[in-house]
Amino acid sequence: MSEFAGMADLLQDFLTEASDLLADVDNKLVELEKRPEDTALLNTIFRGFHTIKGGAGFLNVDPMVSLCHRTENLFDKLRNGELKMAPDLMDAILDATGIVREMFSILAQGRMPPPAASPLLQTLDSFLQGKPAAPAQEIKPQSAPCEV
């Protein structure tokens, strides 16, 4: 049985709208790489993550809320001039966007997605605290099997 029993229509509406928003965010991120200080782009991307976070919160999809909240906060700092775009920051944002997309796929199966992997969350938190990011590590969701 789905973890979203009785909410199938609402979940489907969220996935449709949020997927469109994320596709728009992807396009804007490509533009942002060319114009990293474009305030209009930064605002649009911020609103995209904010809206996805809100929908996920309404559905109690806490792992997505947590990841989108961090990403949204990064864009708030970027648009307020508290943080400057850099290649490693863009990489972390692209990684977060990819994980949100994976979470959509899991939600489409009626299952709750696992949290984003700790290394990604730690990297985002480092940027939010104004610290250099840790070296790149595996960013798959935490439930992904580990190879030993």
Protein backbone atom coordinates (compact mmCIF):
# COMPACT_ATOMS: atom_id res chain seq x y z
CA MET A 1 0.00 0.00 0.00
CA SER A 2 1.23 3.49 -0.82
CA GLU A 3 2.57 5.70 1.94
CA PHE A 4 0.32 8.34 0.41
CA ALA A 5 -2.96 6.41 0.53
CA GLY A 6 -5.92 8.71 0.06
CA MET A 7 -3.68 11.43 -1.35
CA ALA A 8 -2.95 9.98 -4.79
CA ASP A 9 -4.51 12.87 -6.72
CA LEU A 10 -2.80 15.47 -4.56
CA LEU A 11 0.54 13.68 -4.90
CA GLN A 12 0.15 13.47 -8.67
CA ASP A 13 -0.71 17.18 -8.90
CA PHE A 14 2.35 18.02 -6.81
CA LEU A 15 4.63 15.85 -8.95
CA THR A 16 3.33 17.40 -12.17
CA GLU A 17 3.70 20.98 -10.96
CA ALA A 18 6.97 20.43 -9.11
CA SER A 19 8.52 18.61 -12.07
CA ASP A 20 7.67 21.58 -14.28
CA LEU A 21 9.22 23.92 -11.72
CA LEU A 22 12.36 21.82 -11.48
CA ALA A 23 12.70 21.73 -15.28
CA ASP A 24 12.49 25.53 -15.25
CA VAL A 25 15.10 25.65 -12.46
CA ASP A 26 17.39 23.45 -14.58
CA ASN A 27 17.08 25.87 -17.50
CA LYS A 28 17.70 28.85 -15.24
CA LEU A 29 20.78 27.17 -13.73
CA VAL A 30 22.29 26.88 -17.20
CA GLU A 31 21.66 30.60 -17.70
CA LEU A 32 23.04 31.36 -14.23
CA GLU A 33 26.37 29.76 -15.10
CA LYS A 34 26.73 32.48 -17.76
CA ARG A 35 25.31 35.29 -15.59
CA PRO A 36 26.03 34.35 -11.93
CA GLU A 37 24.99 37.72 -10.52
CA ASP A 38 21.69 38.03 -12.41
CA THR A 39 19.27 38.93 -9.63
CA ALA A 40 16.18 38.02 -11.65
CA LEU A 41 17.54 34.50 -12.27
CA LEU A 42 18.52 34.10 -8.63
CA ASN A 43 15.02 35.17 -7.55
CA THR A 44 13.33 32.79 -10.00
CA ILE A 45 15.44 29.82 -8.87
CA PHE A 46 14.86 30.73 -5.21
CA ARG A 47 11.09 30.79 -5.79
CA GLY A 48 11.24 27.43 -7.59
CA PHE A 49 12.93 25.71 -4.64
CA HIS A 50 10.66 27.57 -2.20
CA THR A 51 7.52 26.37 -3.99
CA ILE A 52 8.74 22.77 -4.25
CA LYS A 53 9.63 22.86 -0.54
CA GLY A 54 6.16 24.14 0.32
CA GLY A 55 4.38 21.40 -1.63
CA ALA A 56 6.65 18.76 -0.14
CA GLY A 57 5.92 20.14 3.31
CA PHE A 58 2.18 19.95 2.71
CA LEU A 59 2.64 16.25 1.84
CA ASN A 60 5.01 15.70 4.80
CA VAL A 61 7.89 14.69 2.53
CA ASP A 62 10.48 15.79 5.07
CA PRO A 63 13.58 14.58 3.17
CA MET A 64 12.65 16.81 0.22
CA VAL A 65 11.76 19.70 2.51
CA SER A 66 15.17 19.46 4.18
CA LEU A 67 17.09 19.41 0.90
CA CYS A 68 15.03 22.15 -0.76
CA HIS A 69 15.26 24.32 2.37
CA ARG A 70 19.04 24.25 2.26
CA THR A 71 19.12 24.97 -1.46
CA GLU A 72 16.57 27.74 -1.10
CA ASN A 73 18.71 29.30 1.65
CA LEU A 74 21.76 29.22 -0.61
CA PHE A 75 19.84 31.14 -3.25
CA ASP A 76 18.65 33.60 -0.62
CA LYS A 77 22.30 34.28 0.29
CA LEU A 78 23.26 34.55 -3.38
CA ARG A 79 20.51 37.00 -4.21
CA ASN A 80 21.30 39.12 -1.13
CA GLY A 81 25.00 39.26 -1.98
CA GLU A 82 26.05 37.29 1.10
CA LEU A 83 27.50 34.52 -1.07
CA LYS A 84 29.11 34.49 -4.51
CA MET A 85 28.56 31.77 -7.08
CA ALA A 86 31.58 29.53 -7.57
CA PRO A 87 32.04 26.31 -9.57
CA ASP A 88 31.99 24.07 -6.48
CA LEU A 89 28.83 25.77 -5.22
CA MET A 90 27.16 25.31 -8.62
CA ASP A 91 28.19 21.63 -8.55
CA ALA A 92 26.54 21.20 -5.14
CA ILE A 93 23.37 22.93 -6.36
CA LEU A 94 23.25 20.71 -9.44
CA ASP A 95 23.75 17.65 -7.22
CA ALA A 96 20.88 18.78 -4.98
CA THR A 97 18.66 19.33 -8.01
CA GLY A 98 19.45 15.82 -9.23
CA ILE A 99 18.56 14.32 -5.86
CA VAL A 100 15.26 16.22 -5.82
CA ARG A 101 14.53 14.68 -9.22
CA GLU A 102 15.34 11.20 -7.82
CA MET A 103 12.99 11.92 -4.92
CA PHE A 104 10.24 12.75 -7.44
CA SER A 105 10.75 9.31 -9.03
CA ILE A 106 10.40 7.59 -5.66
CA LEU A 107 7.31 9.64 -4.82
CA ALA A 108 5.78 8.69 -8.17
CA GLN A 109 5.91 5.08 -6.94
CA GLY A 110 3.93 6.07 -3.85
CA ARG A 111 6.93 5.72 -1.54
CA MET A 112 8.61 8.16 0.80
CA PRO A 113 12.10 9.04 -0.46
CA PRO A 114 15.08 8.61 1.85
CA PRO A 115 17.02 11.64 3.02
CA ALA A 116 19.72 13.03 0.76
CA ALA A 117 23.14 11.60 1.53
CA SER A 118 24.95 13.21 4.43
CA PRO A 119 27.94 14.37 2.32
CA LEU A 120 25.68 16.49 0.14
CA LEU A 121 23.82 17.94 3.12
CA GLN A 122 27.14 18.68 4.83
CA THR A 123 28.44 20.39 1.69
CA LEU A 124 25.33 22.57 1.45
CA ASP A 125 25.58 23.38 5.16
CA SER A 126 29.25 24.34 4.73
CA PHE A 127 28.35 26.80 2.01
CA LEU A 128 25.53 28.20 4.13
CA GLN A 129 28.00 28.77 6.97
CA GLY A 130 30.48 30.47 4.63
CA LYS A 131 33.00 27.65 4.90
CA PRO A 132 34.74 25.90 2.02
CA ALA A 133 32.96 22.78 0.89
CA ALA A 134 34.30 19.38 1.79
CA PRO A 135 35.84 17.31 -1.01
CA ALA A 136 33.35 15.77 -3.42
CA GLN A 137 31.87 12.53 -2.15
CA GLU A 138 29.09 10.18 -3.10
CA ILE A 139 25.77 12.03 -2.95
CA LYS A 140 23.19 9.34 -3.62
CA PRO A 141 20.27 9.05 -1.20
CA GLN A 142 21.20 7.34 2.03
CA SER A 143 19.33 4.13 1.31
CA ALA A 144 21.52 3.41 -1.72
CA PRO A 145 23.59 0.27 -1.18
CA CYS A 146 27.20 0.74 -0.18
CA GLU A 147 29.95 -1.19 -1.86
CA VAL A 148 32.64 -2.48 0.46
